[in-house]
Protein backbone atom coordinates (compact mmCIF):
# COMPACT_ATOMS: atom_id res chain seq x y z
CA MET A 1 47.84 -29.07 5.89
CA SER A 2 46.10 -32.24 4.76
CA VAL A 3 47.78 -35.58 5.39
CA LEU A 4 48.08 -36.19 1.64
CA ALA A 5 49.87 -32.86 1.16
CA LEU A 6 52.20 -33.67 4.05
CA VAL A 7 53.04 -37.04 2.53
CA ARG A 8 53.84 -35.37 -0.80
CA LYS A 9 56.14 -32.87 0.93
CA ALA A 10 57.86 -35.73 2.72
CA GLU A 11 58.40 -37.59 -0.54
CA GLN A 12 59.99 -34.51 -2.08
CA ALA A 13 62.34 -34.27 0.90
CA LYS A 14 63.15 -38.00 0.62
CA LEU A 15 61.63 -38.57 4.06
CA VAL A 16 59.05 -41.18 4.98
CA ILE A 17 55.75 -40.90 6.79
CA THR A 18 53.86 -44.01 7.84
CA TRP A 19 51.02 -44.57 10.25
CA ALA A 20 51.15 -46.87 13.27
CA ALA A 21 49.81 -50.36 12.67
CA GLN A 22 48.05 -50.26 16.03
CA PHE A 23 45.68 -47.60 14.65
CA ALA A 24 43.55 -50.38 13.25
CA VAL A 25 43.33 -52.52 16.36
CA PHE A 26 42.16 -52.27 19.92
CA VAL A 27 44.79 -52.09 22.59
CA GLY A 28 44.80 -55.70 23.69
CA SER A 29 46.07 -58.29 26.10
CA VAL A 30 49.60 -59.60 25.86
CA CYS A 31 51.75 -59.09 28.92
CA PHE A 32 49.20 -59.20 31.76
CA LEU A 33 51.60 -57.84 34.37
CA LEU A 34 50.74 -54.99 36.72
CA GLY A 35 52.17 -51.78 35.33
CA CYS A 36 52.81 -53.24 31.87
CA SER A 37 50.26 -51.02 30.18
CA GLU A 38 50.99 -47.42 29.30
CA GLN A 39 54.65 -47.51 30.27
CA PRO A 40 57.31 -45.68 28.20
CA GLY A 41 59.54 -47.79 26.03
CA THR A 42 56.98 -50.34 24.84
CA GLU A 43 56.53 -49.10 21.28
CA ARG A 44 59.14 -51.38 19.73
CA LYS A 45 57.28 -54.40 21.12
CA ALA A 46 53.98 -52.85 20.02
CA ARG A 47 55.18 -52.58 16.44
CA LEU A 48 56.26 -56.22 16.60
CA GLY A 49 52.84 -57.40 17.66
CA ASP A 50 52.50 -56.53 21.33
CA ALA A 51 49.95 -53.92 22.33
CA ASP A 52 50.25 -50.72 24.27
CA ALA A 53 47.79 -51.67 26.98
CA GLN A 54 47.28 -55.12 28.36
CA PHE A 55 44.78 -57.24 30.23
CA ASP A 56 44.65 -55.31 33.46
CA SER A 57 45.26 -56.22 37.08
CA GLU A 58 45.08 -54.19 40.26
CA VAL A 59 47.24 -55.94 42.82
CA VAL A 60 50.90 -56.92 42.78
CA TYR A 61 50.80 -60.68 42.91
CA TYR A 62 53.55 -61.72 40.55
CA SER A 63 56.58 -61.01 42.72
CA GLY A 64 56.62 -64.33 44.61
CA ASP A 65 57.49 -67.83 43.52
CA ASP A 66 54.95 -70.33 42.19
CA GLU A 67 53.95 -71.46 45.68
CA GLU A 68 53.34 -67.91 46.83
CA GLN A 69 51.35 -67.12 43.70
CA ALA A 70 49.22 -70.21 44.23
CA GLU A 71 48.53 -69.07 47.79
CA THR A 72 47.52 -65.67 46.45
CA VAL A 73 45.04 -67.37 44.12
CA ASN A 74 43.52 -69.20 47.09
CA TRP A 75 42.98 -65.96 48.98
CA TYR A 76 41.46 -64.29 45.92
CA ARG A 77 39.18 -67.27 45.39
CA LYS A 78 37.87 -67.17 48.95
CA SER A 79 37.11 -63.46 48.67
CA ALA A 80 35.73 -63.81 45.13
CA GLU A 81 33.33 -66.53 46.20
CA GLN A 82 31.99 -64.11 48.81
CA GLY A 83 31.21 -61.64 46.06
CA ASN A 84 34.17 -59.25 46.29
CA ALA A 85 34.43 -57.63 42.83
CA GLY A 86 38.09 -56.73 43.14
CA ALA A 87 39.00 -60.31 44.04
CA GLN A 88 36.84 -61.65 41.21
CA PHE A 89 38.61 -59.32 38.82
CA ASN A 90 42.09 -60.35 39.96
CA LEU A 91 41.21 -64.03 39.98
CA GLY A 92 40.06 -63.67 36.38
CA ALA A 93 43.33 -61.94 35.51
CA MET A 94 45.37 -64.73 37.10
CA TYR A 95 43.46 -67.39 35.19
CA TYR A 96 44.03 -65.41 32.01
CA SER A 97 47.77 -65.10 32.57
CA GLY A 98 48.34 -68.51 34.18
CA LYS A 99 50.03 -66.98 37.22
CA GLY A 100 49.52 -69.13 40.29
CA VAL A 101 47.04 -71.30 38.46
CA GLU A 102 46.83 -73.17 35.17
CA LYS A 103 45.84 -70.81 32.36
CA ASP A 104 42.12 -71.15 31.72
CA PHE A 105 40.32 -68.60 29.53
CA ALA A 106 36.91 -69.98 30.41
CA GLU A 107 37.58 -69.40 34.13
CA ALA A 108 39.06 -66.00 33.32
CA LEU A 109 35.84 -65.14 31.49
CA LYS A 110 33.67 -66.44 34.34
CA TRP A 111 35.35 -64.38 37.07
CA SER A 112 35.79 -61.29 34.91
CA ARG A 113 32.08 -61.38 34.12
CA LYS A 114 31.14 -61.66 37.80
CA ALA A 115 33.20 -58.55 38.57
CA ALA A 116 31.99 -56.76 35.45
CA ASP A 117 28.36 -57.39 36.41
CA GLN A 118 29.09 -55.55 39.65
CA GLY A 119 30.29 -52.50 37.71
CA HIS A 120 34.03 -53.11 38.00
CA ALA A 121 35.35 -51.00 35.12
CA LYS A 122 38.62 -52.84 34.58
CA ALA A 123 36.83 -56.17 34.58
CA GLN A 124 34.39 -54.77 32.02
CA PHE A 125 37.35 -53.75 29.90
CA ASN A 126 38.97 -57.18 30.21
CA LEU A 127 35.68 -58.84 29.31
CA GLY A 128 35.55 -56.66 26.19
CA LEU A 129 39.05 -57.81 25.27
CA MET A 130 38.03 -61.44 25.56
CA TYR A 131 35.05 -60.93 23.26
CA ASP A 132 37.27 -59.02 20.86
CA SER A 133 39.92 -61.75 20.74
CA GLY A 134 37.61 -64.75 21.07
CA LYS A 135 39.48 -66.10 24.10
CA GLY A 136 37.22 -68.13 26.35
CA VAL A 137 34.18 -67.12 24.33
CA ALA A 138 33.09 -66.81 20.71
CA GLU A 139 34.45 -63.65 19.09
CA ASP A 140 31.76 -60.99 19.07
CA ASP A 141 32.54 -57.39 18.06
CA GLU A 142 29.22 -56.00 19.28
CA GLU A 143 29.58 -57.65 22.68
CA ALA A 144 33.15 -56.38 22.92
CA VAL A 145 31.98 -52.84 22.25
CA LYS A 146 29.19 -53.23 24.80
CA TRP A 147 31.70 -53.95 27.57
CA PHE A 148 34.21 -51.37 26.37
CA ARG A 149 31.39 -48.82 26.54
CA LYS A 150 30.49 -49.78 30.11
CA ALA A 151 34.10 -49.43 31.16
CA ALA A 152 34.46 -46.18 29.21
CA GLU A 153 31.42 -44.70 30.88
CA GLY A 154 33.08 -45.64 34.15
CA GLU A 155 35.91 -43.31 33.08
CA TYR A 156 38.43 -46.06 32.33
CA ALA A 157 40.71 -44.33 29.84
CA VAL A 158 41.98 -47.36 27.92
CA ALA A 159 38.39 -48.48 27.33
CA GLN A 160 37.56 -44.99 26.09
CA TYR A 161 40.38 -45.29 23.60
CA ASN A 162 39.20 -48.73 22.45
CA LEU A 163 35.67 -47.41 22.01
CA GLY A 164 37.09 -44.61 19.87
CA VAL A 165 38.89 -47.18 17.70
CA ALA A 166 35.64 -49.13 17.32
CA TYR A 167 33.83 -46.04 16.03
CA SER A 168 36.74 -45.06 13.79
CA ASP A 169 36.90 -48.51 12.19
CA GLY A 170 33.20 -49.34 12.29
CA LYS A 171 33.93 -52.48 14.28
CA GLY A 172 30.92 -53.57 16.33
CA VAL A 173 29.26 -50.17 15.74
CA PRO A 174 28.52 -48.03 12.67
CA GLU A 175 31.56 -46.03 11.60
CA ASP A 176 31.38 -42.54 13.10
CA ASP A 177 34.50 -40.35 13.16
CA ALA A 178 32.88 -37.65 15.30
CA GLU A 179 32.01 -40.23 17.95
CA ALA A 180 35.55 -41.59 17.68
CA VAL A 181 36.95 -38.12 18.36
CA LYS A 182 34.69 -37.81 21.40
CA TRP A 183 36.08 -40.96 23.00
CA PHE A 184 39.68 -40.30 21.99
CA ARG A 185 39.33 -36.89 23.62
CA ARG A 186 37.96 -38.34 26.84
CA ALA A 187 40.87 -40.77 27.02
CA ALA A 188 43.36 -38.05 26.09
CA GLU A 189 42.09 -35.67 28.75
CA GLN A 190 42.76 -38.35 31.33
CA GLY A 191 46.38 -38.46 30.19
CA ASN A 192 46.14 -41.63 28.11
CA ARG A 193 49.01 -41.22 25.68
CA VAL A 194 47.54 -43.48 22.99
CA GLY A 195 44.32 -41.46 23.12
CA GLN A 196 46.34 -38.24 22.94
CA PHE A 197 48.20 -39.48 19.90
CA ARG A 198 45.07 -40.67 18.12
CA LEU A 199 43.28 -37.39 18.87
CA GLY A 200 46.24 -35.57 17.36
CA TRP A 201 45.96 -37.76 14.30
CA MET A 202 42.26 -36.95 13.92
CA TYR A 203 43.09 -33.23 13.97
CA ALA A 204 45.95 -33.74 11.50
CA SER A 205 43.76 -35.67 9.07
CA GLY A 206 40.51 -33.77 9.61
CA GLU A 207 38.62 -36.95 10.47
CA GLY A 208 35.58 -36.28 12.66
CA VAL A 209 36.83 -32.78 13.43
CA ALA A 210 38.00 -29.70 11.53
CA GLU A 211 41.60 -30.07 10.37
CA ASP A 212 43.84 -28.15 12.76
CA ASP A 213 47.62 -28.63 12.68
CA ALA A 214 48.16 -26.62 15.87
CA GLU A 215 45.77 -28.90 17.79
CA ALA A 216 47.38 -31.93 16.19
CA SER A 217 50.84 -30.87 17.30
CA LYS A 218 49.52 -30.09 20.80
CA TRP A 219 48.22 -33.61 21.30
CA PHE A 220 51.24 -35.22 19.63
CA TRP A 221 53.41 -33.26 22.06
CA LYS A 222 51.43 -34.46 25.08
CA ALA A 223 51.80 -38.10 23.99
CA ALA A 224 55.44 -37.59 23.03
CA GLU A 225 56.23 -36.17 26.46
CA GLN A 226 55.04 -39.51 27.84
CA GLY A 227 57.46 -41.37 25.61
CA TYR A 228 55.03 -42.55 22.94
CA ALA A 229 57.30 -43.26 19.98
CA ASP A 230 54.77 -42.69 17.19
CA ALA A 231 53.93 -39.30 18.70
CA GLU A 232 57.63 -38.45 18.96
CA PHE A 233 58.01 -39.38 15.31
CA PHE A 234 55.06 -37.30 14.14
CA LEU A 235 56.06 -34.34 16.27
CA GLY A 236 59.40 -34.48 14.48
CA VAL A 237 57.53 -34.41 11.16
CA MET A 238 55.54 -31.35 12.28
CA TYR A 239 58.70 -29.49 13.29
CA TYR A 240 60.50 -30.47 10.09
CA PHE A 241 57.79 -29.05 7.86
CA GLY A 242 56.65 -26.26 10.19
CA GLU A 243 53.08 -27.54 10.33
CA GLY A 244 51.25 -26.50 13.51
CA VAL A 245 54.55 -25.39 15.04
CA GLU A 246 57.38 -23.10 14.01
CA LYS A 247 59.75 -24.94 11.66
CA ASP A 248 62.77 -26.18 13.61
CA ASN A 249 65.05 -28.84 12.13
CA VAL A 250 66.95 -29.28 15.38
CA LYS A 251 63.76 -30.11 17.27
CA ALA A 252 62.66 -32.40 14.44
CA ALA A 253 65.91 -34.36 14.71
CA ARG A 254 65.64 -34.41 18.51
CA TRP A 255 62.16 -35.94 18.44
CA TRP A 256 63.16 -38.44 15.74
CA GLN A 257 66.13 -39.36 17.92
CA ARG A 258 63.81 -40.13 20.84
CA ALA A 259 61.59 -42.29 18.65
CA ALA A 260 64.58 -43.94 16.99
CA ASP A 261 66.00 -44.88 20.37
CA GLN A 262 62.80 -46.82 20.98
CA GLY A 263 63.32 -48.78 17.78
CA HIS A 264 60.98 -46.76 15.55
CA ALA A 265 62.25 -47.81 12.11
CA VAL A 266 60.88 -44.85 10.16
CA ALA A 267 62.33 -42.38 12.66
CA GLN A 268 65.66 -44.18 12.32
CA TYR A 269 65.46 -43.79 8.55
CA ASN A 270 64.53 -40.10 8.70
CA LEU A 271 67.30 -39.40 11.19
CA GLY A 272 69.79 -41.24 9.01
CA TRP A 273 68.65 -39.29 5.97
CA VAL A 274 69.04 -35.82 7.55
CA TYR A 275 72.56 -36.75 8.68
CA TYR A 276 73.30 -37.83 5.10
CA ARG A 277 71.66 -34.86 3.37
CA PRO A 278 71.82 -32.26 6.14
CA VAL A 279 69.41 -29.39 6.63
CA GLU A 280 69.86 -26.10 8.46
CA GLY A 281 70.81 -26.77 12.07
CA VAL A 282 71.82 -30.40 11.50
CA SER A 283 75.41 -31.11 10.50
CA GLN A 284 76.33 -33.78 8.00
CA ASP A 285 77.58 -36.93 9.72
CA TYR A 286 78.15 -39.97 7.53
CA VAL A 287 78.93 -42.22 10.49
CA ARG A 288 75.67 -41.49 12.32
CA SER A 289 73.78 -41.56 9.06
CA HIS A 290 75.08 -45.05 8.33
CA MET A 291 74.37 -46.19 11.89
CA TRP A 292 70.69 -45.16 11.81
CA LEU A 293 70.08 -46.28 8.24
CA ASN A 294 71.65 -49.63 9.05
CA LEU A 295 69.37 -50.05 12.09
CA ALA A 296 66.32 -49.13 10.01
CA ARG A 297 67.36 -51.55 7.25
CA ALA A 298 67.59 -54.32 9.85
CA GLN A 299 63.86 -53.72 10.41
CA LYS A 300 63.16 -54.24 6.69
CA ASN A 301 62.91 -50.54 5.85
CA GLU A 302 63.42 -50.50 2.08
CA LYS A 303 64.08 -46.76 1.92
CA ALA A 304 66.96 -47.22 4.35
CA LYS A 305 68.40 -49.96 2.16
CA GLU A 306 68.27 -47.67 -0.87
CA ALA A 307 69.85 -44.77 1.04
CA LEU A 308 72.69 -46.98 2.28
CA GLU A 309 73.47 -48.03 -1.28
CA ARG A 310 74.00 -44.34 -2.09
CA LEU A 311 75.85 -43.51 1.13
CA VAL A 312 78.39 -46.33 1.40
CA PRO A 313 80.42 -45.41 -1.73
CA GLU A 314 80.96 -41.95 -0.24
CA MET A 315 82.40 -43.30 3.03
CA THR A 316 85.86 -44.48 4.03
CA ARG A 317 86.40 -47.95 5.43
CA GLU A 318 87.17 -46.39 8.81
CA GLN A 319 83.88 -44.50 8.81
CA ILE A 320 81.91 -47.63 7.92
CA ALA A 321 83.64 -49.62 10.66
CA GLU A 322 82.84 -46.92 13.21
CA ALA A 323 79.20 -46.75 12.10
CA GLU A 324 78.81 -50.52 12.35
CA LYS A 325 80.39 -50.43 15.82
CA LEU A 326 77.90 -47.77 16.94
CA ALA A 327 74.99 -49.81 15.56
CA ARG A 328 76.16 -52.90 17.45
CA GLU A 329 76.49 -50.90 20.64
CA TRP A 330 73.01 -49.47 20.18
CA LYS A 331 71.53 -52.93 19.74
CA GLU A 332 73.29 -54.19 22.86
CA ALA A 333 71.96 -51.26 24.88
CA HIS A 334 68.40 -51.61 23.56
């Protein structure tokens, strides 16, 4: 089913489908901590402006105090000056993040380039990010793509994803959906959940590849299993409408629940709506409906606001109080 047809079906069911804002951007550099990228539970921050993959680093060097971090910088510098690519890479990352040394994008660029010139894939990726963001160097889309490509050809999955985005958006290269699919697939096959999700989207929309709902749901499922909230949301949509999978309202609600628990506003709205106007397999529950709609409204979801205006007159004061209590508890836990 085409995306447009799916949207129309959703509108008829009073549900909402939206696409992730990060579709249009490269995964970028925000948190700069080892292990920050590609970890479950980051989608809420991603939708607020953070990105799903960050400026990368190889070695744990953030666990000590400032003095210990400064000593780590000294050891990296000694090794980097002797031409060690890994040390050059990490020294660049520390200058970028300001850990153990004063933040200095020009120095970050210098050391990242030295490592990148030696074929260090993660340094090549970081260099691409700096050209993309204009940090430490003039913004240059073509140069960013050049370094993403080098890292991608070195089988660095996040760079493969970024290269796919560049081809999909025509940023730094001519727009080419087939080439975008190629790089999303290479990232996805390495287990990169953002690549898996975007590949699923390409199959769902028929961009660069023949439309195939079964393939779309397959890749959404792979990303959802890794806790990627947008994939959890879309897998719920697929189950709700029976597109690419057997229709199953219970599974739809379950996947929306997982996305909603990560702060996905549209999943919160959809979950609230099916509790308000139940479907087969999902029992009506005004309290949980109010809870989820209220949480979605707090994220400026207008549909949730409209639904609450219809729901509240049908509830008792006790039900509303319980729903508000549950919403407060959810916020405290998340």
